[in-house]
Amino acid sequence: IVDPAKPLPPADESYVLVQSEWYTQQVKGALMEGDLGKMMMGAPDEVVFNGLAFQYKDHPMPAKVGKRVRLYVVDAGPNLPSAFHVIGGIFETVYPDGSAEHALSGVSTYPLAPGEGAVFDIELAQPGKYPLVDHSMRDMEIGAVGLLEATP
């Protein structure tokens, strides 16, 4: 994370999410290796946040109602774009290149190309569990889903 010359407004919570794809084949026992054929077809076994499928679904990221949560999101790829979205929320601000000078407001879903990153600020109005997803439902079903859990 590189802080911009002009600082972003302070956040109450911050999280880093790196979305990536796993294209694998079993070699022997639990030993796995990359599968170039699956990668060339664009058929990942998993699409994950921070290396593990479903980890933030099983262990939600805490947030407080009405407080700013900042998400630093990178689509590491190597192949698939991401349409980053929080179900039940609207991003207060999206910084496409991390710069406050290029801020967008009131964004529901924001596209990221492989290798691209953005900073997302969101304030959740009600307590509850808010799924954060790559809006590709296929990717969500194979691991690219987590939860922000907002409490009073």
Protein backbone atom coordinates (compact mmCIF):
# COMPACT_ATOMS: atom_id res chain seq x y z
CA ILE A 1 0.00 0.00 0.00
CA VAL A 2 1.43 3.33 -1.06
CA ASP A 3 -0.09 6.36 0.59
CA PRO A 4 -0.91 9.14 -1.87
CA ALA A 5 0.75 12.55 -1.59
CA LYS A 6 -2.63 14.01 -0.61
CA PRO A 7 -3.85 11.75 2.23
CA LEU A 8 -7.22 10.01 2.06
CA PRO A 9 -9.69 10.77 4.85
CA PRO A 10 -9.07 8.62 7.94
CA ALA A 11 -10.79 5.23 8.16
CA ASP A 12 -12.02 3.44 11.27
CA GLU A 13 -11.14 -0.03 9.91
CA SER A 14 -8.91 -1.03 6.99
CA TYR A 15 -8.53 -4.34 5.18
CA VAL A 16 -6.42 -5.53 2.26
CA LEU A 17 -7.96 -8.00 -0.20
CA VAL A 18 -5.94 -9.59 -2.99
CA GLN A 19 -8.16 -11.53 -5.39
CA SER A 20 -6.44 -14.29 -7.33
CA GLU A 21 -7.17 -17.49 -9.21
CA TRP A 22 -5.88 -21.02 -8.63
CA TYR A 23 -5.47 -23.33 -11.62
CA THR A 24 -4.26 -26.65 -10.22
CA GLN A 25 -3.82 -30.33 -10.82
CA GLN A 26 -3.05 -33.08 -8.34
CA VAL A 27 0.42 -34.57 -8.76
CA LYS A 28 0.48 -37.15 -5.95
CA GLY A 29 -1.33 -37.30 -2.63
CA ALA A 30 -1.79 -33.72 -1.45
CA LEU A 31 0.91 -32.39 -3.80
CA MET A 32 -0.53 -29.92 -6.32
CA GLU A 33 0.98 -27.97 -9.18
CA GLY A 34 -0.21 -25.39 -11.66
CA ASP A 35 -2.33 -26.45 -14.61
CA LEU A 36 -1.48 -24.39 -17.70
CA GLY A 37 -4.38 -25.92 -19.68
CA LYS A 38 -6.96 -24.73 -17.13
CA MET A 39 -5.34 -21.30 -17.09
CA MET A 40 -5.47 -21.06 -20.89
CA MET A 41 -9.17 -22.02 -20.83
CA GLY A 42 -9.93 -19.53 -18.03
CA ALA A 43 -11.28 -22.31 -15.82
CA PRO A 44 -9.91 -21.78 -12.29
CA ASP A 45 -10.46 -24.29 -9.51
CA GLU A 46 -10.83 -21.43 -7.06
CA VAL A 47 -11.01 -17.65 -7.06
CA VAL A 48 -9.88 -16.44 -3.65
CA PHE A 49 -9.25 -13.45 -1.43
CA ASN A 50 -5.81 -13.45 0.20
CA GLY A 51 -4.99 -16.97 -0.93
CA LEU A 52 -7.84 -18.97 0.63
CA ALA A 53 -11.35 -19.65 -0.60
CA PHE A 54 -14.20 -18.59 1.72
CA GLN A 55 -11.91 -17.54 4.60
CA TYR A 56 -13.78 -14.27 5.26
CA LYS A 57 -17.11 -16.02 4.97
CA ASP A 58 -16.03 -18.34 7.78
CA HIS A 59 -14.30 -15.50 9.68
CA PRO A 60 -16.09 -12.19 8.90
CA MET A 61 -14.19 -8.91 9.02
CA PRO A 62 -15.56 -6.69 11.79
CA ALA A 63 -17.02 -3.25 11.14
CA LYS A 64 -19.02 -0.74 13.16
CA VAL A 65 -22.30 0.71 11.94
CA GLY A 66 -21.82 4.24 10.62
CA LYS A 67 -18.01 4.04 10.67
CA ARG A 68 -15.80 4.18 7.57
CA VAL A 69 -14.36 0.84 6.45
CA ARG A 70 -11.56 1.07 3.89
CA LEU A 71 -10.88 -1.84 1.55
CA TYR A 72 -7.64 -1.90 -0.43
CA VAL A 73 -8.46 -4.35 -3.25
CA VAL A 74 -6.12 -5.75 -5.91
CA ASP A 75 -7.09 -8.16 -8.67
CA ALA A 76 -3.85 -10.15 -8.91
CA GLY A 77 -5.33 -12.36 -11.63
CA PRO A 78 -3.57 -13.73 -13.52
CA ASN A 79 -6.47 -13.76 -16.02
CA LEU A 80 -9.94 -12.82 -14.83
CA PRO A 81 -11.37 -9.37 -14.18
CA SER A 82 -13.24 -8.63 -10.97
CA ALA A 83 -16.43 -6.66 -10.45
CA PHE A 84 -16.00 -5.80 -6.76
CA HIS A 85 -19.23 -5.26 -4.83
CA VAL A 86 -20.61 -5.30 -1.28
CA ILE A 87 -24.12 -6.76 -1.30
CA GLY A 88 -26.43 -4.43 0.62
CA GLY A 89 -24.04 -1.50 0.53
CA ILE A 90 -22.94 1.36 -1.69
CA PHE A 91 -19.34 2.53 -1.72
CA GLU A 92 -19.24 6.03 -0.30
CA THR A 93 -16.03 6.61 -2.24
CA VAL A 94 -13.89 4.67 -4.71
CA TYR A 95 -10.34 5.80 -5.39
CA PRO A 96 -9.54 4.08 -8.73
CA ASP A 97 -5.80 4.70 -8.47
CA GLY A 98 -5.61 5.43 -4.75
CA SER A 99 -5.69 9.19 -5.38
CA ALA A 100 -8.16 11.46 -3.60
CA GLU A 101 -8.07 13.67 -6.70
CA HIS A 102 -9.76 10.94 -8.80
CA ALA A 103 -12.43 9.89 -6.29
CA LEU A 104 -15.81 8.55 -7.40
CA SER A 105 -18.83 8.63 -5.11
CA GLY A 106 -21.95 6.50 -4.74
CA VAL A 107 -20.61 3.43 -6.56
CA SER A 108 -22.32 0.04 -6.30
CA THR A 109 -19.92 -2.19 -8.27
CA TYR A 110 -16.49 -1.31 -9.57
CA PRO A 111 -14.56 -3.25 -12.24
CA LEU A 112 -10.90 -4.19 -11.78
CA ALA A 113 -8.74 -5.64 -14.54
CA PRO A 114 -6.09 -8.25 -13.68
CA GLY A 115 -3.18 -6.41 -12.11
CA GLU A 116 -5.32 -3.40 -11.14
CA GLY A 117 -6.19 -2.13 -7.69
CA ALA A 118 -8.46 0.45 -6.09
CA VAL A 119 -9.38 1.75 -2.65
CA PHE A 120 -13.00 1.48 -1.51
CA ASP A 121 -14.64 3.31 1.41
CA ILE A 122 -17.98 2.12 2.74
CA GLU A 123 -20.14 2.95 5.75
CA LEU A 124 -22.75 0.37 6.69
CA ALA A 125 -26.02 1.82 7.99
CA GLN A 126 -27.45 -1.25 9.74
CA PRO A 127 -26.04 -4.14 11.78
CA GLY A 128 -25.66 -7.36 9.83
CA LYS A 129 -23.44 -9.48 7.63
CA TYR A 130 -22.67 -7.89 4.26
CA PRO A 131 -21.22 -10.18 1.58
CA LEU A 132 -18.30 -8.77 -0.37
CA VAL A 133 -17.90 -10.47 -3.70
CA ASP A 134 -16.50 -10.52 -7.16
CA HIS A 135 -19.88 -10.00 -8.81
CA SER A 136 -19.21 -13.00 -11.05
CA MET A 137 -21.46 -15.50 -9.29
CA ARG A 138 -19.27 -18.33 -10.61
CA ASP A 139 -16.27 -16.80 -8.86
CA MET A 140 -18.32 -16.32 -5.70
CA GLU A 141 -19.33 -20.00 -5.72
CA ILE A 142 -15.71 -21.13 -5.97
CA GLY A 143 -14.32 -18.91 -3.23
CA ALA A 144 -14.41 -15.15 -3.98
CA VAL A 145 -16.82 -14.21 -1.19
CA GLY A 146 -16.36 -12.80 2.29
CA LEU A 147 -18.39 -10.98 4.90
CA LEU A 148 -18.19 -7.62 6.59
CA GLU A 149 -20.00 -7.99 9.92
CA ALA A 150 -21.37 -4.66 11.10
CA THR A 151 -22.23 -4.29 14.76
CA PRO A 152 -23.60 -1.28 16.68
